């Protein structure tokens, strides 16, 4: 056992054996070794030589034979000239730039192989910026690709995965059309992999849950009074929104009920006119069914557990299988 973890090494799949106790040695808080093998958090690093193994930074390590990323060999990299170019390990979540004598490369944070080689790059002027961006004297890069037509002099990295220059607004290094770069504002809060932003012309939601993001304009949103609330809700002076759904409720008197568990995919809210329930589908792309509960007593309505609720007259039972509300008398 090492730090409460059982340390084993592979013999021949599916068999493993415990680490050699007599020669076992802790290298640091992440790595350990014995005379046979090297371990990372108790897991065997296949092929690592315990005599020459050296931990590096940003999840990399090396020995006389190879460069490793976590528990895996990084194939095709010159071990003698290998260098990590990221300076801040807090930036690793956006991916890592590294180099050897043959070029500059990019690898996503949890990927093994393949990594990407940056093409047509000026190695002497290459510089890692932040949030997955980098530059040389000729281009701006996001991850491993060139941001086409980016203006070098006015390019600015914003929050999260956003950037802009004098001509374009970008997300994940790609242009977002029809956004006014002079007036664009990014809201700091996001929900369920969705970002909110606005410009002089409207309010927008960027949905990043799939590899190809989707941008939706909230058609009737008032840009001056639009604000982020919580758990996917936003509002302006006229309406309340749940993601890109406009709800027919009064934004001035609305109250959003706190749910015990978000994973059950049901939400309740009320205004002066009634109680409303929103049920989320479990299959992507997600859809939302919004219903007003009939004959409910607003004053005594309360949330129970597991998506259920009650008032003085009825129980409202959430049918998880059919995604419906079953109303029963008390």
Protein backbone atom coordinates (compact mmCIF):
# COMPACT_ATOMS: atom_id res chain seq x y z
CA UNK A 1 0.00 0.00 0.00
CA UNK A 2 1.19 3.54 -0.84
CA UNK A 3 -0.81 6.51 0.47
CA UNK A 4 -3.72 4.11 0.94
CA UNK A 5 -3.41 2.80 -2.66
CA UNK A 6 -2.63 -0.80 -3.53
CA UNK A 7 0.46 -0.68 -5.78
CA UNK A 8 0.70 -3.37 -8.46
CA UNK A 9 2.47 -3.92 -11.76
CA UNK A 10 1.42 -5.89 -14.82
CA UNK A 11 2.94 -9.27 -15.55
CA UNK A 12 0.93 -10.57 -18.47
CA UNK A 13 -2.65 -9.37 -18.84
CA UNK A 14 -4.88 -9.97 -16.92
CA UNK A 15 -2.43 -10.85 -14.12
CA UNK A 16 -0.77 -8.34 -11.79
CA UNK A 17 1.60 -8.63 -8.86
CA UNK A 18 2.24 -6.43 -5.84
CA UNK A 19 5.16 -4.01 -5.84
CA UNK A 20 8.44 -5.31 -4.42
CA UNK A 21 8.36 -4.22 -0.76
CA UNK A 22 12.09 -4.42 -0.08
CA UNK A 23 13.11 -2.13 -2.93
CA UNK A 24 10.00 0.09 -2.94
CA UNK A 25 10.82 3.82 -2.73
CA UNK A 26 8.65 6.93 -2.83
CA UNK A 27 9.96 9.47 -5.36
CA UNK A 28 7.46 12.24 -4.56
CA UNK A 29 3.75 12.62 -3.80
CA UNK A 30 2.87 11.23 -7.25
CA UNK A 31 5.54 8.72 -8.26
CA UNK A 32 7.15 5.70 -6.60
CA UNK A 33 9.35 2.84 -7.81
CA UNK A 34 10.84 -0.52 -6.95
CA UNK A 35 13.62 -2.48 -8.65
CA UNK A 36 11.20 -3.69 -11.31
CA UNK A 37 8.97 -0.76 -12.23
CA UNK A 38 7.78 2.84 -11.78
CA UNK A 39 4.31 3.73 -10.47
CA UNK A 40 2.14 6.82 -10.76
CA UNK A 41 -0.55 7.08 -8.07
CA UNK A 42 -0.13 3.33 -7.59
CA UNK A 43 -0.55 2.51 -11.29
CA UNK A 44 2.23 0.84 -13.25
CA UNK A 45 3.93 2.97 -15.96
CA UNK A 46 4.49 0.45 -18.73
CA UNK A 47 8.07 0.37 -19.95
CA UNK A 48 9.51 2.95 -17.53
CA UNK A 49 13.06 2.27 -16.36
CA UNK A 50 13.24 2.67 -12.56
CA UNK A 51 17.00 3.35 -12.57
CA UNK A 52 16.87 6.40 -14.86
CA UNK A 53 13.28 7.61 -14.32
CA UNK A 54 12.88 11.36 -13.60
CA UNK A 55 9.56 13.17 -12.92
CA UNK A 56 9.20 16.41 -14.87
CA UNK A 57 6.26 18.84 -14.68
CA UNK A 58 2.82 19.16 -16.28
CA UNK A 59 2.25 15.38 -16.02
CA UNK A 60 5.38 14.49 -17.99
CA UNK A 61 8.32 12.31 -16.97
CA UNK A 62 11.24 10.63 -18.71
CA UNK A 63 13.86 7.90 -18.51
CA UNK A 64 16.78 6.84 -20.71
CA UNK A 65 14.38 5.54 -23.35
CA UNK A 66 11.21 7.61 -23.48
CA UNK A 67 9.11 10.64 -22.61
CA UNK A 68 5.93 9.78 -20.66
CA UNK A 69 2.65 11.62 -20.20
CA UNK A 70 0.90 10.33 -17.09
CA UNK A 71 1.22 6.52 -17.47
CA UNK A 72 1.86 6.36 -21.20
CA UNK A 73 4.78 6.74 -23.60
CA UNK A 74 4.67 9.84 -25.82
CA UNK A 75 5.75 8.26 -29.08
CA UNK A 76 8.07 9.92 -31.60
CA UNK A 77 9.53 12.66 -29.38
CA UNK A 78 13.27 13.23 -29.00
CA UNK A 79 13.88 12.71 -25.28
CA UNK A 80 17.13 14.68 -25.21
CA UNK A 81 15.63 17.95 -26.52
CA UNK A 82 12.12 17.60 -25.08
CA UNK A 83 10.83 20.74 -23.32
CA UNK A 84 7.44 21.76 -21.91
CA UNK A 85 6.58 25.30 -23.06
CA UNK A 86 3.64 26.01 -20.73
CA UNK A 87 4.84 28.08 -17.78
CA UNK A 88 1.79 27.87 -15.51
CA UNK A 89 0.41 24.44 -14.57
CA UNK A 90 -2.97 26.07 -13.94
CA UNK A 91 -3.12 26.53 -17.72
CA UNK A 92 -2.82 22.78 -18.33
CA UNK A 93 -6.61 22.39 -18.44
CA UNK A 94 -6.51 24.10 -21.85
CA UNK A 95 -3.81 21.74 -23.12
CA UNK A 96 -0.03 21.73 -23.23
CA UNK A 97 2.51 22.95 -25.75
CA UNK A 98 5.85 21.16 -25.85
CA UNK A 99 8.81 20.94 -28.20
CA UNK A 100 11.83 18.92 -29.28
CA UNK A 101 14.50 19.49 -31.92
CA UNK A 102 12.02 18.68 -34.68
CA UNK A 103 9.16 21.03 -33.85
CA UNK A 104 6.44 22.28 -31.52
CA UNK A 105 3.48 20.16 -30.49
CA UNK A 106 0.16 20.39 -28.65
CA UNK A 107 -1.60 17.77 -26.54
CA UNK A 108 -4.98 18.02 -24.80
CA UNK A 109 -4.93 17.64 -21.06
CA UNK A 110 -6.12 14.01 -20.73
CA UNK A 111 -5.14 12.66 -24.13
CA UNK A 112 -2.44 10.03 -24.60
CA UNK A 113 -1.65 10.06 -28.32
CA UNK A 114 -1.80 11.39 -30.90
CA UNK A 115 -0.59 14.89 -30.15
CA UNK A 116 -0.65 17.52 -32.88
CA UNK A 117 2.38 19.10 -34.53
CA UNK A 118 2.10 22.79 -35.36
CA UNK A 119 2.85 23.37 -39.04
CA UNK A 120 4.71 26.28 -40.68
CA UNK A 121 5.66 27.72 -37.31
CA UNK A 122 8.47 30.15 -36.49
CA UNK A 123 10.15 28.33 -33.61
CA UNK A 124 12.39 31.24 -32.57
CA UNK A 125 9.49 33.63 -31.91
CA UNK A 126 6.96 31.09 -30.64
CA UNK A 127 5.38 32.04 -27.31
CA UNK A 128 2.68 30.37 -25.20
CA UNK A 129 0.03 32.88 -24.07
CA UNK A 130 -2.91 31.68 -21.94
CA UNK A 131 -6.20 29.76 -22.22
CA UNK A 132 -4.75 27.48 -24.93
CA UNK A 133 -3.50 30.33 -27.13
CA UNK A 134 0.01 30.89 -28.48
CA UNK A 135 1.70 33.04 -31.12
CA UNK A 136 4.78 33.51 -33.27
CA UNK A 137 5.78 36.44 -35.47
CA UNK A 138 3.31 35.39 -38.15
CA UNK A 139 0.22 33.87 -36.53
CA UNK A 140 -2.04 33.40 -33.53
CA UNK A 141 -2.71 29.77 -32.56
CA UNK A 142 -5.47 28.11 -30.60
CA UNK A 143 -4.49 24.60 -29.54
CA UNK A 144 -2.72 23.32 -32.64
CA UNK A 145 -4.30 25.36 -35.43
CA UNK A 146 -3.86 28.84 -36.84
CA UNK A 147 -6.65 31.35 -36.23
CA UNK A 148 -7.16 32.49 -39.81
CA UNK A 149 -7.21 36.24 -40.46
CA UNK A 150 -6.54 37.10 -36.82
CA UNK A 151 -5.09 40.59 -36.49
CA UNK A 152 -1.80 40.28 -34.59
CA UNK A 153 -1.75 43.84 -33.28
CA UNK A 154 -5.27 44.02 -31.86
CA UNK A 155 -5.74 40.38 -30.80
CA UNK A 156 -6.96 40.07 -27.21
CA UNK A 157 -7.61 36.98 -25.07
CA UNK A 158 -10.81 37.32 -23.05
CA UNK A 159 -12.30 35.03 -20.41
CA UNK A 160 -12.70 31.27 -20.82
CA UNK A 161 -12.30 30.29 -24.50
CA UNK A 162 -13.16 33.70 -25.98
CA UNK A 163 -10.92 36.14 -27.82
CA UNK A 164 -11.28 39.03 -30.23
CA UNK A 165 -9.43 41.43 -32.50
CA UNK A 166 -10.52 44.59 -34.28
CA UNK A 167 -12.42 42.56 -36.88
CA UNK A 168 -13.77 39.37 -35.32
CA UNK A 169 -14.99 37.72 -32.13
CA UNK A 170 -13.78 34.14 -31.53
CA UNK A 171 -14.78 31.11 -29.50
CA UNK A 172 -12.41 28.12 -29.32
CA UNK A 173 -10.36 29.88 -31.98
CA UNK A 174 -13.24 29.98 -34.46
CA UNK A 175 -15.03 33.10 -35.69
CA UNK A 176 -18.51 33.80 -34.36
CA UNK A 177 -20.37 35.65 -37.07
CA UNK A 178 -22.67 38.62 -36.56
CA UNK A 179 -21.23 39.61 -33.16
CA UNK A 180 -20.29 43.28 -32.73
CA UNK A 181 -16.69 43.19 -31.44
CA UNK A 182 -16.84 46.73 -30.09
CA UNK A 183 -19.81 46.17 -27.76
CA UNK A 184 -19.61 42.45 -26.95
CA UNK A 185 -19.74 41.50 -23.26
CA UNK A 186 -19.27 38.00 -21.82
CA UNK A 187 -21.25 37.08 -18.71
CA UNK A 188 -19.04 35.34 -16.16
CA UNK A 189 -21.59 32.73 -15.06
CA UNK A 190 -22.34 29.68 -17.19
CA UNK A 191 -24.57 26.61 -16.77
CA UNK A 192 -24.48 23.10 -18.26
CA UNK A 193 -21.66 23.96 -20.70
CA UNK A 194 -23.49 27.08 -21.89
CA UNK A 195 -22.05 30.61 -22.07
CA UNK A 196 -23.99 33.87 -22.26
CA UNK A 197 -22.89 37.03 -24.05
CA UNK A 198 -24.43 40.17 -25.45
CA UNK A 199 -23.68 43.01 -27.82
CA UNK A 200 -25.62 46.08 -28.94
CA UNK A 201 -27.87 43.88 -31.07
CA UNK A 202 -28.91 41.12 -28.70
CA UNK A 203 -28.24 38.38 -26.15
CA UNK A 204 -26.76 35.03 -27.17
CA UNK A 205 -26.23 31.55 -25.70
CA UNK A 206 -23.31 29.40 -26.81
CA UNK A 207 -23.97 25.71 -26.14
CA UNK A 208 -20.70 23.73 -25.96
CA UNK A 209 -22.06 20.36 -24.84
CA UNK A 210 -21.19 18.79 -28.22
CA UNK A 211 -17.92 19.12 -30.16
CA UNK A 212 -19.51 21.55 -32.61
CA UNK A 213 -20.90 24.40 -30.54
CA UNK A 214 -24.28 25.99 -31.21
CA UNK A 215 -25.08 29.69 -30.85
CA UNK A 216 -28.64 30.87 -30.27
CA UNK A 217 -29.95 34.42 -30.09
CA UNK A 218 -32.63 35.12 -27.48
CA UNK A 219 -34.98 36.86 -29.86
CA UNK A 220 -36.90 39.09 -27.47
CA UNK A 221 -34.26 39.63 -24.75
CA UNK A 222 -33.69 43.21 -23.62
CA UNK A 223 -29.92 43.82 -23.69
CA UNK A 224 -29.96 46.62 -21.12
CA UNK A 225 -31.75 44.74 -18.32
CA UNK A 226 -30.68 41.16 -19.08
CA UNK A 227 -29.08 39.39 -16.11
CA UNK A 228 -27.96 35.91 -15.03
CA UNK A 229 -29.85 34.33 -12.14
CA UNK A 230 -29.06 30.71 -11.22
CA UNK A 231 -29.34 27.11 -12.43
CA UNK A 232 -29.96 28.04 -16.06
CA UNK A 233 -32.37 30.92 -15.38
CA UNK A 234 -31.93 34.45 -16.73
CA UNK A 235 -34.28 37.41 -16.96
CA UNK A 236 -34.81 40.90 -18.29
CA UNK A 237 -37.50 43.51 -17.57
CA UNK A 238 -40.03 41.62 -19.70
CA UNK A 239 -39.42 37.90 -19.38
CA UNK A 240 -37.85 34.99 -17.54
CA UNK A 241 -35.78 32.49 -19.54
CA UNK A 242 -34.68 28.93 -18.89
CA UNK A 243 -31.66 28.54 -21.15
CA UNK A 244 -33.09 29.57 -24.56
CA UNK A 245 -36.74 28.94 -23.57
CA UNK A 246 -38.79 32.07 -22.87
CA UNK A 247 -41.14 31.35 -19.96
CA UNK A 248 -44.56 32.93 -19.71
CA UNK A 249 -44.09 34.06 -16.11
CA UNK A 250 -43.77 37.41 -14.40
CA UNK A 251 -40.03 38.22 -13.96
CA UNK A 252 -40.78 40.73 -11.19
CA UNK A 253 -42.56 38.25 -8.89
CA UNK A 254 -40.94 34.96 -9.89
CA UNK A 255 -39.42 32.68 -7.25
CA UNK A 256 -37.17 29.79 -8.25
CA UNK A 257 -37.35 26.80 -5.93
CA UNK A 258 -34.07 25.23 -4.85
CA UNK A 259 -34.01 21.56 -5.81
CA UNK A 260 -32.40 18.97 -3.55
CA UNK A 261 -30.62 17.25 -6.47
CA UNK A 262 -30.08 18.74 -9.92
CA UNK A 263 -29.54 15.30 -11.50
CA UNK A 264 -33.24 14.39 -11.30
CA UNK A 265 -33.91 16.87 -14.14
CA UNK A 266 -36.99 18.63 -12.77
CA UNK A 267 -37.34 22.28 -11.72
CA UNK A 268 -40.16 24.26 -10.06
CA UNK A 269 -40.85 27.98 -9.98
CA UNK A 270 -43.73 30.27 -9.13
CA UNK A 271 -45.00 33.78 -9.71
CA UNK A 272 -48.11 35.59 -8.51
CA UNK A 273 -50.22 33.65 -11.02
CA UNK A 274 -49.21 30.05 -10.44
CA UNK A 275 -46.72 27.20 -10.08
CA UNK A 276 -44.73 25.92 -13.07
CA UNK A 277 -42.73 22.74 -13.59
CA UNK A 278 -39.89 22.24 -16.08
CA UNK A 279 -38.90 18.66 -16.96
CA UNK A 280 -35.64 17.99 -18.79
CA UNK A 281 -35.23 15.02 -21.14
CA UNK A 282 -32.39 12.57 -20.47
CA UNK A 283 -31.40 12.16 -24.11
CA UNK A 284 -29.15 14.61 -25.93
CA UNK A 285 -29.97 17.04 -27.50
CA UNK A 286 -31.89 17.94 -24.35
CA UNK A 287 -35.43 19.22 -24.54
CA UNK A 288 -37.51 20.91 -21.85
CA UNK A 289 -41.24 20.45 -21.21
CA UNK A 290 -42.74 23.42 -19.38
CA UNK A 291 -46.16 23.05 -17.71
CA UNK A 292 -48.32 25.16 -15.41
CA UNK A 293 -49.83 23.10 -12.58
CA UNK A 294 -53.60 23.43 -12.41
CA UNK A 295 -55.62 24.04 -9.21
CA UNK A 296 -52.49 24.38 -7.09
CA UNK A 297 -52.53 26.30 -3.81
CA UNK A 298 -49.63 28.73 -4.19
CA UNK A 299 -49.38 29.71 -0.52
CA UNK A 300 -48.92 26.17 0.81
CA UNK A 301 -46.91 24.72 -2.11
CA UNK A 302 -43.57 23.22 -1.07
CA UNK A 303 -40.81 21.07 -2.56
CA UNK A 304 -40.16 17.59 -1.19
CA UNK A 305 -37.39 15.15 -2.18
CA UNK A 306 -36.76 13.37 -5.49
CA UNK A 307 -38.64 15.96 -7.55
CA UNK A 308 -41.89 15.61 -5.62
CA UNK A 309 -43.95 18.46 -4.14
CA UNK A 310 -47.20 19.12 -2.28
CA UNK A 311 -49.71 21.73 -1.20
CA UNK A 312 -52.59 21.53 1.29
CA UNK A 313 -54.76 19.64 -1.20
CA UNK A 314 -52.54 17.51 -3.44
CA UNK A 315 -49.28 15.55 -3.75
CA UNK A 316 -47.32 16.10 -6.95
CA UNK A 317 -45.35 12.93 -7.68
CA UNK A 318 -42.57 13.02 -10.28
CA UNK A 319 -42.69 9.95 -12.52
CA UNK A 320 -39.00 9.62 -13.47
CA UNK A 321 -39.63 6.96 -16.12
CA UNK A 322 -42.35 8.78 -18.07
CA UNK A 323 -41.18 12.31 -17.19
CA UNK A 324 -44.62 13.40 -15.98
CA UNK A 325 -46.24 14.73 -12.80
CA UNK A 326 -48.82 12.46 -11.16
CA UNK A 327 -51.28 14.52 -9.07
CA UNK A 328 -52.85 12.76 -6.09
CA UNK A 329 -55.19 14.01 -3.37
CA UNK A 330 -53.79 14.23 0.16
